Structures are given as structure tokens and as C-alpha cells.
Amino acid sequence: MTSEEKMAKFGKGGIDMAANSFGGWAKGAQAIAMEIADYSKRAAESSATAWEKLMGARSLESALQVQSQYMKSSYEDFVAEATKLGELYVDLAREAYTGFEGALARASAAS
């Protein structure tokens, strides 16, 4: 195989790697965006429900209880969401790296 053929093969491999990597990145980024949008919607609904309960509270003690429950559930939801987003970002990085890993292995083998 001539050096020109090797360069052409390497160039094609680079283009394929970039296309695969971008496809994986786009899919992962879309999943993250959808998850953030869903969380925002759930958080807004939860806030509206808590506000309604707070407005219906008949005593200060009842109002404090509603607020306390809302704060606790909001915190738990946030921690769960942060964990889920962290996993999605790890998957995104892994997917992007996989394309490069294969290309690097092929480049090393061709040398």
C-alpha cells in the first residue's frame, strides 16, 4: 500500500470517526436537554401545588408544615435529577470517546 493510499484511508477513517462521534454527541445532548425540560416542568408543577396548599393553610403551623414538606421533596427531587444528569453526561462522554478510541486503534494498527 502506497503512502498516498494510507493517507486516504486514514483521512476516511477520521471523517467516519467525526461523524460517529458527532452523532453520539447529538443523541446524548438531546437526551440531556429533554431531561432538563422534563425536570423544569415537574418542578414548576410541584411549586404550583405547594403554593395552592400554602394558600389553603388554616394556621401558621399548617403553613410551615406545607413549606417544610415542599422543601424536603424539592431537595430530594433535585438530588435525584442531579444524579440522573450526571449519568447522562458520563454516557455522553463515553459515547464521544468510543468513536475516537476505535479510530486511534485503527491508526495505531495502520502504522
Protein backbone atom coordinates (compact mmCIF):
# COMPACT_ATOMS: atom_id res chain seq x y z
CA MET A 1 0.00 0.00 0.00
CA THR A 2 1.44 3.37 -1.00
CA SER A 3 1.72 6.26 1.42
CA GLU A 4 -0.99 8.11 -0.53
CA GLU A 5 -3.36 5.18 -0.05
CA LYS A 6 -2.50 5.07 3.64
CA MET A 7 -3.22 8.80 3.98
CA ALA A 8 -6.52 8.46 2.10
CA LYS A 9 -7.54 5.55 4.31
CA PHE A 10 -6.55 7.49 7.43
CA GLY A 11 -8.48 10.56 6.22
CA LYS A 12 -11.60 8.49 5.54
CA GLY A 13 -11.27 6.95 8.99
CA GLY A 14 -11.07 10.43 10.52
CA ILE A 15 -14.21 11.55 8.74
CA ASP A 16 -16.06 8.41 9.82
CA MET A 17 -14.85 8.89 13.39
CA ALA A 18 -16.02 12.51 13.45
CA ALA A 19 -19.42 11.61 12.02
CA ASN A 20 -19.95 8.79 14.52
CA SER A 21 -18.74 10.91 17.40
CA PHE A 22 -20.99 13.81 16.44
CA GLY A 23 -23.99 11.50 16.07
CA GLY A 24 -23.43 10.12 19.56
CA TRP A 25 -22.90 13.58 20.97
CA ALA A 26 -26.09 14.91 19.37
CA LYS A 27 -28.13 12.00 20.73
CA GLY A 28 -26.69 12.47 24.22
CA ALA A 29 -27.17 16.24 24.16
CA GLN A 30 -30.79 15.78 23.10
CA ALA A 31 -31.40 13.34 25.97
CA ILE A 32 -29.91 15.85 28.43
CA ALA A 33 -31.99 18.73 27.05
CA MET A 34 -35.17 16.64 27.26
CA GLU A 35 -34.39 15.61 30.82
CA ILE A 36 -33.79 19.23 31.88
CA ALA A 37 -37.05 20.31 30.24
CA ASP A 38 -38.98 17.50 31.96
CA TYR A 39 -37.43 18.34 35.33
CA SER A 40 -38.26 22.02 34.89
CA LYS A 41 -41.88 21.14 34.14
CA ARG A 42 -42.12 18.81 37.16
CA ALA A 43 -40.53 21.43 39.42
CA ALA A 44 -42.97 24.13 38.24
CA GLU A 45 -45.93 21.81 38.82
CA SER A 46 -44.65 20.87 42.26
CA SER A 47 -44.17 24.53 43.13
CA ALA A 48 -47.71 25.39 41.99
CA THR A 49 -49.18 22.54 44.03
CA ALA A 50 -47.24 23.63 47.12
CA TRP A 51 -48.38 27.22 46.61
CA GLU A 52 -52.02 26.10 46.45
CA LYS A 53 -51.62 24.08 49.65
CA LEU A 54 -49.88 27.01 51.32
CA MET A 55 -52.69 29.39 50.37
CA GLY A 56 -55.22 26.93 51.81
CA ALA A 57 -53.40 26.55 55.11
CA ARG A 58 -55.60 27.46 58.07
CA SER A 59 -52.83 28.07 60.57
CA LEU A 60 -49.20 29.09 60.77
CA GLU A 61 -48.29 25.57 61.88
CA SER A 62 -50.05 24.09 58.86
CA ALA A 63 -48.33 26.58 56.53
CA LEU A 64 -44.91 25.72 57.99
CA GLN A 65 -45.63 22.03 57.55
CA VAL A 66 -46.58 22.54 53.87
CA GLN A 67 -43.44 24.59 53.29
CA SER A 68 -41.27 22.04 55.07
CA GLN A 69 -42.68 19.17 53.00
CA TYR A 70 -42.18 21.15 49.81
CA MET A 71 -38.56 21.99 50.67
CA LYS A 72 -37.81 18.36 51.53
CA SER A 73 -39.37 16.97 48.34
CA SER A 74 -37.73 19.70 46.23
CA TYR A 75 -34.32 18.85 47.66
CA GLU A 76 -34.82 15.10 47.11
CA ASP A 77 -36.01 15.71 43.54
CA PHE A 78 -33.02 17.97 42.86
CA VAL A 79 -30.53 15.39 44.15
CA ALA A 80 -32.17 12.65 42.07
CA GLU A 81 -32.14 14.89 38.99
CA ALA A 82 -28.50 15.88 39.50
CA THR A 83 -27.58 12.20 39.75
CA LYS A 84 -29.52 11.36 36.59
CA LEU A 85 -27.96 14.27 34.68
CA GLY A 86 -24.52 13.21 35.88
CA GLU A 87 -25.13 9.75 34.46
CA LEU A 88 -26.32 11.24 31.16
CA TYR A 89 -23.17 13.38 30.92
CA VAL A 90 -20.99 10.32 31.63
CA ASP A 91 -22.83 8.42 28.89
CA LEU A 92 -22.31 11.37 26.54
CA ALA A 93 -18.57 11.46 27.24
CA ARG A 94 -18.29 7.68 26.90
CA GLU A 95 -20.15 7.73 23.57
CA ALA A 96 -17.94 10.51 22.21
CA TYR A 97 -14.77 8.76 23.39
CA THR A 98 -15.78 5.42 21.86
CA GLY A 99 -15.60 6.85 18.34
CA PHE A 100 -12.13 8.25 18.96
CA GLU A 101 -10.93 5.09 20.66
CA GLY A 102 -11.74 2.96 17.62
CA ALA A 103 -10.08 5.43 15.27
CA LEU A 104 -6.95 5.60 17.40
CA ALA A 105 -6.74 1.81 17.47
CA ARG A 106 -7.05 1.66 13.67
CA ALA A 107 -4.44 4.40 13.25
CA SER A 108 -2.01 2.55 15.52
CA ALA A 109 -2.59 -0.69 13.64
CA ALA A 110 -2.02 1.01 10.27
CA SER A 111 1.34 2.42 11.37
